[in-house]
Amino acid sequence: MEQIVSFLVENPLYLAGAVVIAVIILLVTLKKLLRLAIVVAAVFILYVAYLYLTGSDASQSVLALESFFREGIRFVAEYLKNLGN
């Protein structure tokens, strides 16, 4: 690993190429994650619509999802807070 870092530091052209490749990989990954989030949201909306049309209680599903996201955000915030220590 040390050899790779020293090679990139000594050759700025390769460093620029590595940065461009890393940015492209990051953007492609974010695009796929966004697409996945949109699909999951659409499926959840269809599920809530199904529950509503069948007369079931859709509010429990929405509350469960809200609780899930609150816990997830709390976990990420705690992780990021501890990351700096």
N, C-alpha and C. Protein backbone atom coordinates (compact mmCIF):
# COMPACT_ATOMS: atom_id res chain seq x y z
N MET A 1 0.82 -1.18 0.00
CA MET A 1 0.00 0.00 0.00
C MET A 1 0.87 1.25 0.00
N GLU A 2 1.94 1.18 0.77
CA GLU A 2 2.85 2.31 0.83
C GLU A 2 3.48 2.60 -0.53
N GLN A 3 3.77 1.54 -1.26
CA GLN A 3 4.37 1.71 -2.58
C GLN A 3 3.40 2.39 -3.54
N ILE A 4 2.13 2.03 -3.44
CA ILE A 4 1.14 2.64 -4.32
C ILE A 4 1.00 4.12 -4.01
N VAL A 5 0.95 4.46 -2.73
CA VAL A 5 0.81 5.87 -2.34
C VAL A 5 2.02 6.66 -2.79
N SER A 6 3.20 6.14 -2.57
CA SER A 6 4.40 6.87 -2.99
C SER A 6 4.47 6.99 -4.51
N PHE A 7 4.03 5.97 -5.23
CA PHE A 7 4.00 6.04 -6.69
C PHE A 7 3.06 7.14 -7.16
N LEU A 8 1.88 7.21 -6.55
CA LEU A 8 0.91 8.23 -6.94
C LEU A 8 1.39 9.63 -6.58
N VAL A 9 2.05 9.76 -5.46
CA VAL A 9 2.56 11.08 -5.05
C VAL A 9 3.68 11.53 -5.98
N GLU A 10 4.50 10.61 -6.42
CA GLU A 10 5.61 10.95 -7.31
C GLU A 10 5.16 11.24 -8.73
N ASN A 11 4.02 10.71 -9.14
CA ASN A 11 3.52 10.89 -10.51
C ASN A 11 2.15 11.57 -10.47
N PRO A 12 2.14 12.88 -10.61
CA PRO A 12 0.87 13.61 -10.50
C PRO A 12 -0.15 13.24 -11.58
N LEU A 13 0.31 12.81 -12.73
CA LEU A 13 -0.62 12.42 -13.79
C LEU A 13 -1.40 11.17 -13.39
N TYR A 14 -0.71 10.21 -12.81
CA TYR A 14 -1.39 9.01 -12.33
C TYR A 14 -2.31 9.33 -11.16
N LEU A 15 -1.89 10.27 -10.32
CA LEU A 15 -2.72 10.68 -9.20
C LEU A 15 -4.02 11.31 -9.70
N ALA A 16 -3.91 12.16 -10.70
CA ALA A 16 -5.11 12.79 -11.28
C ALA A 16 -6.02 11.73 -11.89
N GLY A 17 -5.44 10.76 -12.56
CA GLY A 17 -6.24 9.67 -13.14
C GLY A 17 -6.93 8.85 -12.06
N ALA A 18 -6.23 8.58 -10.97
CA ALA A 18 -6.82 7.82 -9.87
C ALA A 18 -7.96 8.59 -9.22
N VAL A 19 -7.79 9.90 -9.09
CA VAL A 19 -8.86 10.73 -8.51
C VAL A 19 -10.08 10.74 -9.42
N VAL A 20 -9.88 10.85 -10.71
CA VAL A 20 -11.00 10.84 -11.65
C VAL A 20 -11.73 9.51 -11.59
N ILE A 21 -11.00 8.42 -11.56
CA ILE A 21 -11.63 7.10 -11.48
C ILE A 21 -12.40 6.95 -10.17
N ALA A 22 -11.83 7.43 -9.06
CA ALA A 22 -12.52 7.34 -7.77
C ALA A 22 -13.80 8.16 -7.77
N VAL A 23 -13.77 9.34 -8.37
CA VAL A 23 -14.97 10.18 -8.43
C VAL A 23 -16.04 9.51 -9.29
N ILE A 24 -15.64 8.92 -10.40
CA ILE A 24 -16.60 8.23 -11.27
C ILE A 24 -17.24 7.06 -10.52
N ILE A 25 -16.44 6.29 -9.82
CA ILE A 25 -16.98 5.16 -9.05
C ILE A 25 -17.95 5.66 -7.98
N LEU A 26 -17.60 6.75 -7.31
CA LEU A 26 -18.47 7.31 -6.28
C LEU A 26 -19.80 7.77 -6.88
N LEU A 27 -19.75 8.46 -7.99
CA LEU A 27 -20.98 8.96 -8.61
C LEU A 27 -21.87 7.82 -9.11
N VAL A 28 -21.27 6.80 -9.68
CA VAL A 28 -22.05 5.65 -10.15
C VAL A 28 -22.72 4.95 -8.97
N THR A 29 -21.99 4.81 -7.87
CA THR A 29 -22.54 4.17 -6.69
C THR A 29 -23.69 4.99 -6.11
N LEU A 30 -23.52 6.30 -6.03
CA LEU A 30 -24.59 7.16 -5.52
C LEU A 30 -25.81 7.11 -6.42
N LYS A 31 -25.60 7.05 -7.72
CA LYS A 31 -26.72 6.98 -8.65
C LYS A 31 -27.50 5.68 -8.45
N LYS A 32 -26.79 4.58 -8.25
CA LYS A 32 -27.47 3.30 -8.02
C LYS A 32 -28.21 3.30 -6.69
N LEU A 33 -27.62 3.90 -5.67
CA LEU A 33 -28.30 3.97 -4.38
C LEU A 33 -29.55 4.83 -4.46
N LEU A 34 -29.49 5.93 -5.19
CA LEU A 34 -30.66 6.78 -5.36
C LEU A 34 -31.76 6.04 -6.11
N ARG A 35 -31.38 5.31 -7.14
CA ARG A 35 -32.36 4.54 -7.90
C ARG A 35 -33.01 3.48 -7.01
N LEU A 36 -32.21 2.83 -6.18
CA LEU A 36 -32.75 1.83 -5.25
C LEU A 36 -33.71 2.47 -4.26
N ALA A 37 -33.35 3.65 -3.74
CA ALA A 37 -34.23 4.34 -2.79
C ALA A 37 -35.55 4.71 -3.44
N ILE A 38 -35.52 5.13 -4.69
CA ILE A 38 -36.75 5.48 -5.39
C ILE A 38 -37.63 4.25 -5.58
N VAL A 39 -37.03 3.13 -5.95
CA VAL A 39 -37.80 1.90 -6.14
C VAL A 39 -38.41 1.43 -4.82
N VAL A 40 -37.64 1.49 -3.74
CA VAL A 40 -38.15 1.08 -2.43
C VAL A 40 -39.29 1.99 -2.00
N ALA A 41 -39.16 3.29 -2.23
CA ALA A 41 -40.23 4.22 -1.88
C ALA A 41 -41.49 3.93 -2.69
N ALA A 42 -41.33 3.64 -3.97
CA ALA A 42 -42.48 3.34 -4.81
C ALA A 42 -43.18 2.06 -4.36
N VAL A 43 -42.41 1.05 -4.00
CA VAL A 43 -43.00 -0.20 -3.52
C VAL A 43 -43.73 0.03 -2.20
N PHE A 44 -43.16 0.84 -1.33
CA PHE A 44 -43.83 1.13 -0.05
C PHE A 44 -45.13 1.89 -0.28
N ILE A 45 -45.13 2.83 -1.21
CA ILE A 45 -46.36 3.57 -1.52
C ILE A 45 -47.42 2.63 -2.07
N LEU A 46 -47.02 1.71 -2.93
CA LEU A 46 -47.97 0.72 -3.44
C LEU A 46 -48.51 -0.16 -2.32
N TYR A 47 -47.66 -0.52 -1.38
CA TYR A 47 -48.08 -1.35 -0.25
C TYR A 47 -49.09 -0.60 0.63
N VAL A 48 -48.82 0.67 0.90
CA VAL A 48 -49.75 1.47 1.70
C VAL A 48 -51.07 1.63 0.95
N ALA A 49 -51.02 1.83 -0.36
CA ALA A 49 -52.25 1.94 -1.15
C ALA A 49 -53.03 0.63 -1.10
N TYR A 50 -52.33 -0.49 -1.16
CA TYR A 50 -52.99 -1.79 -1.07
C TYR A 50 -53.67 -1.95 0.29
N LEU A 51 -52.96 -1.57 1.35
CA LEU A 51 -53.55 -1.67 2.68
C LEU A 51 -54.78 -0.78 2.80
N TYR A 52 -54.71 0.41 2.23
CA TYR A 52 -55.84 1.33 2.29
C TYR A 52 -57.04 0.77 1.53
N LEU A 53 -56.78 0.21 0.35
CA LEU A 53 -57.88 -0.31 -0.47
C LEU A 53 -58.51 -1.56 0.13
N THR A 54 -57.74 -2.35 0.84
CA THR A 54 -58.30 -3.55 1.45
C THR A 54 -58.91 -3.27 2.82
N GLY A 55 -58.78 -2.04 3.29
CA GLY A 55 -59.39 -1.68 4.56
C GLY A 55 -58.53 -1.96 5.77
N SER A 56 -57.29 -2.33 5.56
CA SER A 56 -56.38 -2.58 6.68
C SER A 56 -55.86 -1.27 7.24
N ASP A 57 -55.17 -1.36 8.36
CA ASP A 57 -54.63 -0.17 9.02
C ASP A 57 -53.26 0.16 8.45
N ALA A 58 -53.20 1.16 7.60
CA ALA A 58 -51.94 1.54 6.96
C ALA A 58 -51.08 2.40 7.88
N SER A 59 -51.69 2.99 8.89
CA SER A 59 -50.93 3.89 9.76
C SER A 59 -49.86 3.14 10.55
N GLN A 60 -50.11 1.88 10.88
CA GLN A 60 -49.10 1.10 11.60
C GLN A 60 -47.85 0.90 10.76
N SER A 61 -48.03 0.67 9.47
CA SER A 61 -46.88 0.50 8.58
C SER A 61 -46.08 1.80 8.47
N VAL A 62 -46.79 2.90 8.37
CA VAL A 62 -46.11 4.19 8.26
C VAL A 62 -45.36 4.50 9.56
N LEU A 63 -45.98 4.22 10.69
CA LEU A 63 -45.31 4.44 11.97
C LEU A 63 -44.09 3.54 12.14
N ALA A 64 -44.19 2.31 11.68
CA ALA A 64 -43.04 1.40 11.75
C ALA A 64 -41.90 1.89 10.88
N LEU A 65 -42.22 2.39 9.70
CA LEU A 65 -41.19 2.93 8.82
C LEU A 65 -40.56 4.18 9.42
N GLU A 66 -41.37 5.03 10.01
CA GLU A 66 -40.85 6.23 10.65
C GLU A 66 -39.91 5.87 11.79
N SER A 67 -40.29 4.89 12.59
CA SER A 67 -39.45 4.44 13.69
C SER A 67 -38.13 3.86 13.17
N PHE A 68 -38.21 3.11 12.09
CA PHE A 68 -37.01 2.53 11.49
C PHE A 68 -36.03 3.62 11.06
N PHE A 69 -36.55 4.65 10.40
CA PHE A 69 -35.67 5.72 9.93
C PHE A 69 -35.13 6.56 11.09
N ARG A 70 -35.94 6.78 12.11
CA ARG A 70 -35.44 7.52 13.27
C ARG A 70 -34.29 6.78 13.94
N GLU A 71 -34.44 5.47 14.10
CA GLU A 71 -33.36 4.68 14.70
C GLU A 71 -32.12 4.67 13.81
N GLY A 72 -32.33 4.58 12.51
CA GLY A 72 -31.21 4.60 11.58
C GLY A 72 -30.46 5.92 11.62
N ILE A 73 -31.19 7.02 11.66
CA ILE A 73 -30.56 8.33 11.72
C ILE A 73 -29.84 8.51 13.05
N ARG A 74 -30.44 8.04 14.12
CA ARG A 74 -29.80 8.13 15.43
C ARG A 74 -28.50 7.31 15.45
N PHE A 75 -28.55 6.12 14.85
CA PHE A 75 -27.36 5.27 14.80
C PHE A 75 -26.25 5.93 13.99
N VAL A 76 -26.59 6.49 12.84
CA VAL A 76 -25.58 7.14 12.00
C VAL A 76 -25.01 8.37 12.69
N ALA A 77 -25.86 9.15 13.35
CA ALA A 77 -25.39 10.33 14.07
C ALA A 77 -24.44 9.94 15.19
N GLU A 78 -24.78 8.89 15.92
CA GLU A 78 -23.92 8.42 17.01
C GLU A 78 -22.58 7.91 16.45
N TYR A 79 -22.65 7.20 15.34
CA TYR A 79 -21.43 6.68 14.72
C TYR A 79 -20.53 7.83 14.27
N LEU A 80 -21.12 8.83 13.63
CA LEU A 80 -20.32 9.96 13.16
C LEU A 80 -19.75 10.77 14.32
N LYS A 81 -20.51 10.86 15.41
CA LYS A 81 -20.01 11.58 16.58
C LYS A 81 -18.81 10.85 17.17
N ASN A 82 -18.89 9.53 17.24
CA ASN A 82 -17.80 8.73 17.80
C ASN A 82 -16.62 8.61 16.84
N LEU A 83 -16.86 8.86 15.57
CA LEU A 83 -15.79 8.76 14.58
C LEU A 83 -14.74 9.83 14.80
N GLY A 84 -15.15 11.00 15.26
CA GLY A 84 -14.22 12.09 15.49
C GLY A 84 -13.39 11.92 16.74
N ASN A 85 -13.79 11.05 17.64
CA ASN A 85 -13.05 10.87 18.91
C ASN A 85 -11.88 9.97 18.75
